[in-house]
Amino acid sequence: MVQRYHKIQMQRLYEAHPELQYLPAAVHRIARKREMPITSIIAASGLSSSGFYAAMRNCEDFRRLPNLGTFFSLSDALGVSPEKLLSEMRVLAAEDSGQNKAIN
């Protein structure tokens, strides 16, 4: 019952804010623009490698969202504001939405 409730809540959140699943892509895009290796971002964020990759995988699968501490740690490690990281997530969601509309 609890698991089903969680799944329904996550689905509602995804429908309201599809950009949330784009955190991994936004991290990678900003890292590429700044020519930063992912290992440097992981080290600067204070996350373990396994913790970083688990957070990214869970976000892509929309099973769990990273907590705010992780989000802020990643933005600090990337050298951008949390607002810039969120903005990049929204840009990616819009790009993906536009591509999906073009396919249909």
PDB file of N, CA and C in Angstrom:
ATOM      1  N   MET A   1       0.822  -1.190   0.000  1.00  0.00           N
ATOM      2  CA  MET A   1       0.000   0.000   0.000  1.00  0.00           C
ATOM      3  C   MET A   1       0.870   1.259   0.000  1.00  0.00           C
ATOM      4  N   VAL A   2       1.880   1.295   0.878  1.00  0.00           N
ATOM      5  CA  VAL A   2       2.761   2.458   0.958  1.00  0.00           C
ATOM      6  C   VAL A   2       3.531   2.624  -0.346  1.00  0.00           C
ATOM      7  N   GLN A   3       4.004   1.517  -0.895  1.00  0.00           N
ATOM      8  CA  GLN A   3       4.760   1.574  -2.142  1.00  0.00           C
ATOM      9  C   GLN A   3       3.878   2.099  -3.281  1.00  0.00           C
ATOM     10  N   ARG A   4       2.652   1.663  -3.341  1.00  0.00           N
ATOM     11  CA  ARG A   4       1.718   2.126  -4.372  1.00  0.00           C
ATOM     12  C   ARG A   4       1.454   3.618  -4.206  1.00  0.00           C
ATOM     13  N   TYR A   5       1.271   4.054  -2.964  1.00  0.00           N
ATOM     14  CA  TYR A   5       1.053   5.474  -2.687  1.00  0.00           C
ATOM     15  C   TYR A   5       2.257   6.288  -3.152  1.00  0.00           C
ATOM     16  N   HIS A   6       3.458   5.796  -2.843  1.00  0.00           N
ATOM     17  CA  HIS A   6       4.687   6.477  -3.257  1.00  0.00           C
ATOM     18  C   HIS A   6       4.747   6.587  -4.779  1.00  0.00           C
ATOM     19  N   LYS A   7       4.405   5.520  -5.460  1.00  0.00           N
ATOM     20  CA  LYS A   7       4.433   5.510  -6.920  1.00  0.00           C
ATOM     21  C   LYS A   7       3.437   6.528  -7.486  1.00  0.00           C
ATOM     22  N   ILE A   8       2.261   6.615  -6.908  1.00  0.00           N
ATOM     23  CA  ILE A   8       1.252   7.579  -7.354  1.00  0.00           C
ATOM     24  C   ILE A   8       1.743   9.006  -7.113  1.00  0.00           C
ATOM     25  N   GLN A   9       2.329   9.245  -5.944  1.00  0.00           N
ATOM     26  CA  GLN A   9       2.851  10.574  -5.631  1.00  0.00           C
ATOM     27  C   GLN A   9       3.964  10.968  -6.596  1.00  0.00           C
ATOM     28  N   MET A  10       4.851  10.037  -6.897  1.00  0.00           N
ATOM     29  CA  MET A  10       5.942  10.315  -7.831  1.00  0.00           C
ATOM     30  C   MET A  10       5.389  10.597  -9.222  1.00  0.00           C
ATOM     31  N   GLN A  11       4.370   9.872  -9.633  1.00  0.00           N
ATOM     32  CA  GLN A  11       3.764  10.100 -10.944  1.00  0.00           C
ATOM     33  C   GLN A  11       3.151  11.503 -11.019  1.00  0.00           C
ATOM     34  N   ARG A  12       2.468  11.909  -9.968  1.00  0.00           N
ATOM     35  CA  ARG A  12       1.880  13.256  -9.932  1.00  0.00           C
ATOM     36  C   ARG A  12       2.966  14.328  -9.986  1.00  0.00           C
ATOM     37  N   LEU A  13       4.025  14.099  -9.246  1.00  0.00           N
ATOM     38  CA  LEU A  13       5.135  15.044  -9.233  1.00  0.00           C
ATOM     39  C   LEU A  13       5.783  15.137 -10.609  1.00  0.00           C
ATOM     40  N   TYR A  14       5.960  14.002 -11.251  1.00  0.00           N
ATOM     41  CA  TYR A  14       6.538  13.966 -12.591  1.00  0.00           C
ATOM     42  C   TYR A  14       5.656  14.716 -13.586  1.00  0.00           C
ATOM     43  N   GLU A  15       4.359  14.532 -13.498  1.00  0.00           N
ATOM     44  CA  GLU A  15       3.443  15.219 -14.411  1.00  0.00           C
ATOM     45  C   GLU A  15       3.474  16.730 -14.192  1.00  0.00           C
ATOM     46  N   ALA A  16       3.582  17.151 -12.944  1.00  0.00           N
ATOM     47  CA  ALA A  16       3.605  18.577 -12.633  1.00  0.00           C
ATOM     48  C   ALA A  16       4.959  19.215 -12.939  1.00  0.00           C
ATOM     49  N   HIS A  17       6.040  18.451 -12.757  1.00  0.00           N
ATOM     50  CA  HIS A  17       7.398  18.988 -12.914  1.00  0.00           C
ATOM     51  C   HIS A  17       8.295  17.985 -13.643  1.00  0.00           C
ATOM     52  N   PRO A  18       8.092  17.806 -14.941  1.00  0.00           N
ATOM     53  CA  PRO A  18       8.888  16.810 -15.671  1.00  0.00           C
ATOM     54  C   PRO A  18      10.380  17.121 -15.683  1.00  0.00           C
ATOM     55  N   GLU A  19      10.749  18.373 -15.425  1.00  0.00           N
ATOM     56  CA  GLU A  19      12.168  18.732 -15.434  1.00  0.00           C
ATOM     57  C   GLU A  19      12.967  18.034 -14.338  1.00  0.00           C
ATOM     58  N   LEU A  20      12.286  17.524 -13.316  1.00  0.00           N
ATOM     59  CA  LEU A  20      12.999  16.902 -12.204  1.00  0.00           C
ATOM     60  C   LEU A  20      13.810  15.679 -12.620  1.00  0.00           C
ATOM     61  N   GLN A  21      13.387  14.988 -13.667  1.00  0.00           N
ATOM     62  CA  GLN A  21      14.136  13.807 -14.099  1.00  0.00           C
ATOM     63  C   GLN A  21      15.392  14.179 -14.892  1.00  0.00           C
ATOM     64  N   TYR A  22      15.584  15.464 -15.183  1.00  0.00           N
ATOM     65  CA  TYR A  22      16.703  15.901 -16.009  1.00  0.00           C
ATOM     66  C   TYR A  22      17.916  16.357 -15.201  1.00  0.00           C
ATOM     67  N   LEU A  23      17.926  16.118 -13.908  1.00  0.00           N
ATOM     68  CA  LEU A  23      19.097  16.481 -13.107  1.00  0.00           C
ATOM     69  C   LEU A  23      20.366  15.823 -13.639  1.00  0.00           C
ATOM     70  N   PRO A  24      20.379  14.521 -13.901  1.00  0.00           N
ATOM     71  CA  PRO A  24      21.618  13.910 -14.407  1.00  0.00           C
ATOM     72  C   PRO A  24      22.090  14.535 -15.721  1.00  0.00           C
ATOM     73  N   ALA A  25      21.174  14.763 -16.644  1.00  0.00           N
ATOM     74  CA  ALA A  25      21.547  15.358 -17.933  1.00  0.00           C
ATOM     75  C   ALA A  25      22.054  16.783 -17.745  1.00  0.00           C
ATOM     76  N   ALA A  26      21.434  17.527 -16.832  1.00  0.00           N
ATOM     77  CA  ALA A  26      21.872  18.899 -16.569  1.00  0.00           C
ATOM     78  C   ALA A  26      23.264  18.913 -15.957  1.00  0.00           C
ATOM     79  N   VAL A  27      23.519  18.013 -15.025  1.00  0.00           N
ATOM     80  CA  VAL A  27      24.850  17.915 -14.419  1.00  0.00           C
ATOM     81  C   VAL A  27      25.883  17.615 -15.498  1.00  0.00           C
ATOM     82  N   HIS A  28      25.587  16.658 -16.355  1.00  0.00           N
ATOM     83  CA  HIS A  28      26.537  16.289 -17.410  1.00  0.00           C
ATOM     84  C   HIS A  28      26.727  17.421 -18.420  1.00  0.00           C
ATOM     85  N   ARG A  29      25.652  18.110 -18.782  1.00  0.00           N
ATOM     86  CA  ARG A  29      25.767  19.201 -19.757  1.00  0.00           C
ATOM     87  C   ARG A  29      26.618  20.340 -19.203  1.00  0.00           C
ATOM     88  N   ILE A  30      26.351  20.736 -17.975  1.00  0.00           N
ATOM     89  CA  ILE A  30      27.134  21.815 -17.362  1.00  0.00           C
ATOM     90  C   ILE A  30      28.586  21.385 -17.216  1.00  0.00           C
ATOM     91  N   ALA A  31      28.805  20.146 -16.821  1.00  0.00           N
ATOM     92  CA  ALA A  31      30.175  19.641 -16.676  1.00  0.00           C
ATOM     93  C   ALA A  31      30.914  19.692 -18.014  1.00  0.00           C
ATOM     94  N   ARG A  32      30.247  19.287 -19.089  1.00  0.00           N
ATOM     95  CA  ARG A  32      30.879  19.342 -20.419  1.00  0.00           C
ATOM     96  C   ARG A  32      31.199  20.778 -20.815  1.00  0.00           C
ATOM     97  N   LYS A  33      30.266  21.693 -20.593  1.00  0.00           N
ATOM     98  CA  LYS A  33      30.495  23.105 -20.933  1.00  0.00           C
ATOM     99  C   LYS A  33      31.694  23.668 -20.182  1.00  0.00           C
ATOM    100  N   ARG A  34      31.867  23.230 -18.958  1.00  0.00           N
ATOM    101  CA  ARG A  34      32.954  23.733 -18.119  1.00  0.00           C
ATOM    102  C   ARG A  34      34.202  22.850 -18.179  1.00  0.00           C
ATOM    103  N   GLU A  35      34.126  21.829 -19.022  1.00  0.00           N
ATOM    104  CA  GLU A  35      35.233  20.877 -19.191  1.00  0.00           C
ATOM    105  C   GLU A  35      35.681  20.295 -17.851  1.00  0.00           C
ATOM    106  N   MET A  36      34.695  19.875 -17.074  1.00  0.00           N
ATOM    107  CA  MET A  36      34.949  19.282 -15.762  1.00  0.00           C
ATOM    108  C   MET A  36      34.674  17.787 -15.826  1.00  0.00           C
ATOM    109  N   PRO A  37      35.643  16.965 -15.435  1.00  0.00           N
ATOM    110  CA  PRO A  37      35.358  15.532 -15.383  1.00  0.00           C
ATOM    111  C   PRO A  37      34.375  15.222 -14.249  1.00  0.00           C
ATOM    112  N   ILE A  38      33.565  14.225 -14.470  1.00  0.00           N
ATOM    113  CA  ILE A  38      32.568  13.829 -13.466  1.00  0.00           C
ATOM    114  C   ILE A  38      33.244  13.468 -12.146  1.00  0.00           C
ATOM    115  N   THR A  39      34.418  12.860 -12.218  1.00  0.00           N
ATOM    116  CA  THR A  39      35.122  12.499 -10.978  1.00  0.00           C
ATOM    117  C   THR A  39      35.426  13.737 -10.140  1.00  0.00           C
ATOM    118  N   SER A  40      35.728  14.864 -10.789  1.00  0.00           N
ATOM    119  CA  SER A  40      35.978  16.110 -10.056  1.00  0.00           C
ATOM    120  C   SER A  40      34.708  16.618  -9.388  1.00  0.00           C
ATOM    121  N   ILE A  41      33.592  16.478 -10.088  1.00  0.00           N
ATOM    122  CA  ILE A  41      32.312  16.921  -9.531  1.00  0.00           C
ATOM    123  C   ILE A  41      31.943  16.068  -8.325  1.00  0.00           C
ATOM    124  N   ILE A  42      32.148  14.763  -8.464  1.00  0.00           N
ATOM    125  CA  ILE A  42      31.842  13.863  -7.350  1.00  0.00           C
ATOM    126  C   ILE A  42      32.683  14.233  -6.137  1.00  0.00           C
ATOM    127  N   ALA A  43      33.985  14.433  -6.354  1.00  0.00           N
ATOM    128  CA  ALA A  43      34.879  14.772  -5.245  1.00  0.00           C
ATOM    129  C   ALA A  43      34.492  16.111  -4.613  1.00  0.00           C
ATOM    130  N   ALA A  44      34.213  17.113  -5.441  1.00  0.00           N
ATOM    131  CA  ALA A  44      33.872  18.441  -4.925  1.00  0.00           C
ATOM    132  C   ALA A  44      32.519  18.459  -4.219  1.00  0.00           C
ATOM    133  N   SER A  45      31.633  17.560  -4.614  1.00  0.00           N
ATOM    134  CA  SER A  45      30.296  17.538  -4.007  1.00  0.00           C
ATOM    135  C   SER A  45      30.292  16.885  -2.632  1.00  0.00           C
ATOM    136  N   GLY A  46      31.315  16.091  -2.360  1.00  0.00           N
ATOM    137  CA  GLY A  46      31.355  15.378  -1.089  1.00  0.00           C
ATOM    138  C   GLY A  46      30.571  14.082  -1.096  1.00  0.00           C
ATOM    139  N   LEU A  47      30.003  13.738  -2.253  1.00  0.00           N
ATOM    140  CA  LEU A  47      29.269  12.475  -2.372  1.00  0.00           C
ATOM    141  C   LEU A  47      30.246  11.346  -2.676  1.00  0.00           C
ATOM    142  N   SER A  48      29.882  10.147  -2.289  1.00  0.00           N
ATOM    143  CA  SER A  48      30.664   8.993  -2.721  1.00  0.00           C
ATOM    144  C   SER A  48      30.299   8.709  -4.175  1.00  0.00           C
ATOM    145  N   SER A  49      31.167   7.998  -4.871  1.00  0.00           N
ATOM    146  CA  SER A  49      30.863   7.637  -6.267  1.00  0.00           C
ATOM    147  C   SER A  49      29.561   6.864  -6.346  1.00  0.00           C
ATOM    148  N   SER A  50      29.408   5.888  -5.451  1.00  0.00           N
ATOM    149  CA  SER A  50      28.190   5.078  -5.495  1.00  0.00           C
ATOM    150  C   SER A  50      26.963   5.920  -5.152  1.00  0.00           C
ATOM    151  N   GLY A  51      27.103   6.851  -4.221  1.00  0.00           N
ATOM    152  CA  GLY A  51      25.994   7.734  -3.869  1.00  0.00           C
ATOM    153  C   GLY A  51      25.612   8.656  -5.014  1.00  0.00           C
ATOM    154  N   PHE A  52      26.625   9.176  -5.712  1.00  0.00           N
ATOM    155  CA  PHE A  52      26.372  10.045  -6.866  1.00  0.00           C
ATOM    156  C   PHE A  52      25.625   9.287  -7.949  1.00  0.00           C
ATOM    157  N   TYR A  53      26.153   8.123  -8.329  1.00  0.00           N
ATOM    158  CA  TYR A  53      25.528   7.372  -9.421  1.00  0.00           C
ATOM    159  C   TYR A  53      24.145   6.830  -9.035  1.00  0.00           C
ATOM    160  N   ALA A  54      23.968   6.476  -7.778  1.00  0.00           N
ATOM    161  CA  ALA A  54      22.643   6.025  -7.329  1.00  0.00           C
ATOM    162  C   ALA A  54      21.638   7.173  -7.408  1.00  0.00           C
ATOM    163  N   ALA A  55      22.054   8.360  -6.985  1.00  0.00           N
ATOM    164  CA  ALA A  55      21.159   9.523  -7.047  1.00  0.00           C
ATOM    165  C   ALA A  55      20.784   9.835  -8.489  1.00  0.00           C
ATOM    166  N   MET A  56      21.754   9.761  -9.385  1.00  0.00           N
ATOM    167  CA  MET A  56      21.479  10.050 -10.797  1.00  0.00           C
ATOM    168  C   MET A  56      20.542   8.999 -11.402  1.00  0.00           C
ATOM    169  N   ARG A  57      20.811   7.753 -11.110  1.00  0.00           N
ATOM    170  CA  ARG A  57      19.985   6.657 -11.648  1.00  0.00           C
ATOM    171  C   ARG A  57      18.554   6.742 -11.109  1.00  0.00           C
ATOM    172  N   ASN A  58      18.420   6.970  -9.818  1.00  0.00           N
ATOM    173  CA  ASN A  58      17.087   7.077  -9.217  1.00  0.00           C
ATOM    174  C   ASN A  58      16.311   8.255  -9.788  1.00  0.00           C
ATOM    175  N   CYS A  59      17.009   9.333 -10.075  1.00  0.00           N
ATOM    176  CA  CYS A  59      16.357  10.510 -10.637  1.00  0.00           C
ATOM    177  C   CYS A  59      15.893  10.236 -12.064  1.00  0.00           C
ATOM    178  N   GLU A  60      16.731   9.598 -12.865  1.00  0.00           N
ATOM    179  CA  GLU A  60      16.352   9.269 -14.242  1.00  0.00           C
ATOM    180  C   GLU A  60      15.167   8.317 -14.282  1.00  0.00           C
ATOM    181  N   ASP A  61      15.164   7.350 -13.386  1.00  0.00           N
ATOM    182  CA  ASP A  61      14.074   6.369 -13.326  1.00  0.00           C
ATOM    183  C   ASP A  61      12.849   6.927 -12.610  1.00  0.00           C
ATOM    184  N   PHE A  62      13.008   8.093 -12.017  1.00  0.00           N
ATOM    185  CA  PHE A  62      11.975   8.767 -11.250  1.00  0.00           C
ATOM    186  C   PHE A  62      11.475   7.909 -10.086  1.00  0.00           C
ATOM    187  N   ARG A  63      12.412   7.177  -9.483  1.00  0.00           N
ATOM    188  CA  ARG A  63      12.070   6.398  -8.291  1.00  0.00           C
ATOM    189  C   ARG A  63      12.176   7.252  -7.043  1.00  0.00           C
ATOM    190  N   ARG A  64      13.229   8.064  -7.009  1.00  0.00           N
ATOM    191  CA  ARG A  64      13.462   8.941  -5.862  1.00  0.00           C
ATOM    192  C   ARG A  64      14.101  10.216  -6.369  1.00  0.00           C
ATOM    193  N   LEU A  65      13.843  11.278  -5.687  1.00  0.00           N
ATOM    194  CA  LEU A  65      14.499  12.538  -6.004  1.00  0.00           C
ATOM    195  C   LEU A  65      15.635  12.754  -5.022  1.00  0.00           C
ATOM    196  N   PRO A  66      16.712  13.385  -5.466  1.00  0.00           N
ATOM    197  CA  PRO A  66      17.781  13.680  -4.516  1.00  0.00           C
ATOM    198  C   PRO A  66      17.288  14.700  -3.491  1.00  0.00           C
ATOM    199  N   ASN A  67      17.841  14.633  -2.309  1.00  0.00           N
ATOM    200  CA  ASN A  67      17.426  15.612  -1.306  1.00  0.00           C
ATOM    201  C   ASN A  67      18.050  16.970  -1.635  1.00  0.00           C
ATOM    202  N   LEU A  68      17.590  17.995  -0.964  1.00  0.00           N
ATOM    203  CA  LEU A  68      18.080  19.344  -1.250  1.00  0.00           C
ATOM    204  C   LEU A  68      19.569  19.490  -0.978  1.00  0.00           C
ATOM    205  N   GLY A  69      20.062  18.784   0.028  1.00  0.00           N
ATOM    206  CA  GLY A  69      21.493  18.836   0.316  1.00  0.00           C
ATOM    207  C   GLY A  69      22.316  18.344  -0.859  1.00  0.00           C
ATOM    208  N   THR A  70      21.884  17.253  -1.468  1.00  0.00           N
ATOM    209  CA  THR A  70      22.571  16.712  -2.641  1.00  0.00           C
ATOM    210  C   THR A  70      22.480  17.691  -3.800  1.00  0.00           C
ATOM    211  N   PHE A  71      21.306  18.257  -4.022  1.00  0.00           N
ATOM    212  CA  PHE A  71      21.110  19.218  -5.106  1.00  0.00           C
ATOM    213  C   PHE A  71      22.046  20.421  -4.942  1.00  0.00           C
ATOM    214  N   PHE A  72      22.103  20.978  -3.735  1.00  0.00           N
ATOM    215  CA  PHE A  72      22.968  22.126  -3.483  1.00  0.00           C
ATOM    216  C   PHE A  72      24.441  21.738  -3.581  1.00  0.00           C
ATOM    217  N   SER A  73      24.796  20.559  -3.114  1.00  0.00           N
ATOM    218  CA  SER A  73      26.181  20.091  -3.225  1.00  0.00           C
ATOM    219  C   SER A  73      26.603  19.969  -4.681  1.00  0.00           C
ATOM    220  N   LEU A  74      25.709  19.455  -5.515  1.00  0.00           N
ATOM    221  CA  LEU A  74      26.022  19.327  -6.939  1.00  0.00           C
ATOM    222  C   LEU A  74      26.158  20.692  -7.601  1.00  0.00           C
ATOM    223  N   SER A  75      25.277  21.612  -7.282  1.00  0.00           N
ATOM    224  CA  SER A  75      25.394  22.944  -7.896  1.00  0.00           C
ATOM    225  C   SER A  75      26.685  23.625  -7.448  1.00  0.00           C
ATOM    226  N   ASP A  76      27.041  23.494  -6.180  1.00  0.00           N
ATOM    227  CA  ASP A  76      28.310  24.053  -5.699  1.00  0.00           C
ATOM    228  C   ASP A  76      29.494  23.421  -6.417  1.00  0.00           C
ATOM    229  N   ALA A  77      29.463  22.105  -6.553  1.00  0.00           N
ATOM    230  CA  ALA A  77      30.562  21.390  -7.210  1.00  0.00           C
ATOM    231  C   ALA A  77      30.704  21.804  -8.672  1.00  0.00           C
ATOM    232  N   LEU A  78      29.586  22.120  -9.306  1.00  0.00           N
ATOM    233  CA  LEU A  78      29.609  22.564 -10.704  1.00  0.00           C
ATOM    234  C   LEU A  78      29.985  24.039 -10.836  1.00  0.00           C
ATOM    235  N   GLY A  79      29.955  24.757  -9.734  1.00  0.00           N
ATOM    236  CA  GLY A  79      30.267  26.182  -9.768  1.00  0.00           C
ATOM    237  C   GLY A  79      29.135  27.030 -10.316  1.00  0.00           C
ATOM    238  N   VAL A  80      27.905  26.549 -10.148  1.00  0.00           N
ATOM    239  CA  VAL A  80      26.732  27.302 -10.603  1.00  0.00           C
ATOM    240  C   VAL A  80      25.755  27.438  -9.439  1.00  0.00           C
ATOM    241  N   SER A  81      24.860  28.374  -9.576  1.00  0.00           N
ATOM    242  CA  SER A  81      23.833  28.535  -8.545  1.00  0.00           C
ATOM    243  C   SER A  81      22.804  27.414  -8.669  1.00  0.00           C
ATOM    244  N   PRO A  82      22.102  27.116  -7.599  1.00  0.00           N
ATOM    245  CA  PRO A  82      21.017  26.135  -7.696  1.00  0.00           C
ATOM    246  C   PRO A  82      19.980  26.551  -8.743  1.00  0.00           C
ATOM    247  N   GLU A  83      19.761  27.852  -8.871  1.00  0.00           N
ATOM    248  CA  GLU A  83      18.813  28.353  -9.871  1.00  0.00           C
ATOM    249  C   GLU A  83      19.277  28.025 -11.285  1.00  0.00           C
ATOM    250  N   LYS A  84      20.584  28.150 -11.536  1.00  0.00           N
ATOM    251  CA  LYS A  84      21.134  27.838 -12.853  1.00  0.00           C
ATOM    252  C   LYS A  84      20.992  26.346 -13.142  1.00  0.00           C
ATOM    253  N   LEU A  85      21.232  25.514 -12.160  1.00  0.00           N
ATOM    254  CA  LEU A  85      21.086  24.069 -12.348  1.00  0.00           C
ATOM    255  C   LEU A  85      19.630  23.726 -12.660  1.00  0.00           C
ATOM    256  N   LEU A  86      18.706  24.306 -11.923  1.00  0.00           N
ATOM    257  CA  LEU A  86      17.283  24.074 -12.185  1.00  0.00           C
ATOM    258  C   LEU A  86      16.889  24.606 -13.563  1.00  0.00           C
ATOM    259  N   SER A  87      17.417  25.751 -13.932  1.00  0.00           N
ATOM    260  CA  SER A  87      17.138  26.324 -15.250  1.00  0.00           C
ATOM    261  C   SER A  87      17.614  25.388 -16.358  1.00  0.00           C
ATOM    262  N   GLU A  88      18.782  24.805 -16.190  1.00  0.00           N
ATOM    263  CA  GLU A  88      19.302  23.859 -17.186  1.00  0.00           C
ATOM    264  C   GLU A  88      18.410  22.624 -17.272  1.00  0.00           C
ATOM    265  N   MET A  89      17.896  22.175 -16.141  1.00  0.00           N
ATOM    266  CA  MET A  89      16.969  21.042 -16.133  1.00  0.00           C
ATOM    267  C   MET A  89      15.710  21.383 -16.923  1.00  0.00           C
ATOM    268  N   ARG A  90      15.215  22.603 -16.758  1.00  0.00           N
ATOM    269  CA  ARG A  90      14.009  23.026 -17.476  1.00  0.00           C
ATOM    270  C   ARG A  90      14.267  23.151 -18.973  1.00  0.00           C
ATOM    271  N   VAL A  91      15.441  23.641 -19.346  1.00  0.00           N
ATOM    272  CA  VAL A  91      15.800  23.735 -20.767  1.00  0.00           C
ATOM    273  C   VAL A  91      15.815  22.346 -21.389  1.00  0.00           C
ATOM    274  N   LEU A  92      16.427  21.397 -20.705  1.00  0.00           N
ATOM    275  CA  LEU A  92      16.489  20.023 -21.218  1.00  0.00           C
ATOM    276  C   LEU A  92      15.097  19.415 -21.358  1.00  0.00           C
ATOM    277  N   ALA A  93      14.242  19.660 -20.389  1.00  0.00           N
ATOM    278  CA  ALA A  93      12.870  19.137 -20.462  1.00  0.00           C
ATOM    279  C   ALA A  93      12.136  19.743 -21.650  1.00  0.00           C
ATOM    280  N   ALA A  94      12.320  21.038 -21.872  1.00  0.00           N
ATOM    281  CA  ALA A  94      11.664  21.704 -22.999  1.00  0.00           C
ATOM    282  C   ALA A  94      12.196  21.176 -24.325  1.00  0.00           C
ATOM    283  N   GLU A  95      13.512  20.972 -24.401  1.00  0.00           N
ATOM    284  CA  GLU A  95      14.100  20.420 -25.626  1.00  0.00           C
ATOM    285  C   GLU A  95      13.548  19.030 -25.904  1.00  0.00           C
ATOM    286  N   ASP A  96      13.473  18.218 -24.866  1.00  0.00           N
ATOM    287  CA  ASP A  96      12.962  16.857 -25.025  1.00  0.00           C
ATOM    288  C   ASP A  96      11.491  16.872 -25.425  1.00  0.00           C
ATOM    289  N   SER A  97      10.731  17.756 -24.819  1.00  0.00           N
ATOM    290  CA  SER A  97       9.314  17.873 -25.150  1.00  0.00           C
ATOM    291  C   SER A  97       9.138  18.303 -26.603  1.00  0.00           C
ATOM    292  N   GLY A  98       9.958  19.233 -27.056  1.00  0.00           N
ATOM    293  CA  GLY A  98       9.895  19.687 -28.438  1.00  0.00           C
ATOM    294  C   GLY A  98      10.250  18.595 -29.423  1.00  0.00           C
ATOM    295  N   GLN A  99      11.237  17.767 -29.081  1.00  0.00           N
ATOM    296  CA  GLN A  99      11.622  16.655 -29.951  1.00  0.00           C
ATOM    297  C   GLN A  99      10.513  15.623 -30.015  1.00  0.00           C
ATOM    298  N   ASN A 100       9.877  15.352 -28.887  1.00  0.00           N
ATOM    299  CA  ASN A 100       8.784  14.377 -28.869  1.00  0.00           C
ATOM    300  C   ASN A 100       7.607  14.859 -29.708  1.00  0.00           C
ATOM    301  N   LYS A 101       7.318  16.155 -29.666  1.00  0.00           N
ATOM    302  CA  LYS A 101       6.223  16.696 -30.475  1.00  0.00           C
ATOM    303  C   LYS A 101       6.555  16.608 -31.960  1.00  0.00           C
ATOM    304  N   ALA A 102       7.837  16.818 -32.307  1.00  0.00           N
ATOM    305  CA  ALA A 102       8.245  16.750 -33.711  1.00  0.00           C
ATOM    306  C   ALA A 102       8.135  15.331 -34.254  1.00  0.00           C
ATOM    307  N   ILE A 103       8.370  14.342 -33.403  1.00  0.00           N
ATOM    308  CA  ILE A 103       8.290  12.933 -33.812  1.00  0.00           C
ATOM    309  C   ILE A 103       6.841  12.543 -34.058  1.00  0.00           C
ATOM    310  N   ASN A 104       5.941  13.004 -33.197  1.00  0.00           N
ATOM    311  CA  ASN A 104       4.519  12.650 -33.315  1.00  0.00           C
ATOM    312  C   ASN A 104       3.929  13.414 -34.418  1.00  0.00           C
TER     313      ASN A 104
END
